[in-house]
Amino acid sequence: MLINLTELFTREGKARDYTVEIDSSQFRIPSGDCQVAEVGPVVLHIENVGDKTLELKGEAQFSLWIPCDRCLEPVECPFHLSIMRTLDLKLTEEERIAALDEQPYVQGYNLDVDQLVRDELLLNLPMKVLCAEDCKGICNRCGANLNHETCGCDRSVPDPRMSVIQDIFKQYKEV
């Protein structure tokens, strides 16, 4: 959803509250696309602090189905995002890039709320998502989910540094 910010430039100190629904049914994260399990409205408070600069404060609550890092089963992960940004709209795109202050969620005088939430989500993603602390993962040979079934695969992994010695033993092995 786009919010037109031009009405806030009429005078310094002018503020406006917005309640916006997220339009996305899924979010793209580094590990792939995740379905939205539950979504609440994004509540934003935007205030003109002068000189074409806006202070943005907001909150968003939703949850995503993210695959477990060990067994790939979907796990519902709740997020409560607190958003605080300063939008300096007097800078050109080149000046923002030079100052390393890129704002892909601002297009001209429009604020893309979905992109803002996406950017904030990427900053708040957990390092590791597990369905349970004792998740056994999947078999690296046959792909069976070891939480639900067992497989007869040989999971012993020889130390690659010992491969030369193992080759010597195989060469002089008695028949």
Foldseek 3Di string as FASTA:
>chain_A
DKDQQVVQPPDAFDKDKDWAWAPDQWAQAPVGIWGWPFWGIKIWMWGHHDQQKIWIWIWTKTWTFAAAPFAGHTDIGIDIFIDIDMDRLVDDQVRCVVVVNDDPQDDNRMGNVNVSVNVRVNVVDDPGHHPDPPQPGAQPPPGHRVVVDDDDDDRDDDDPVCVVVVVVCVVPPDD
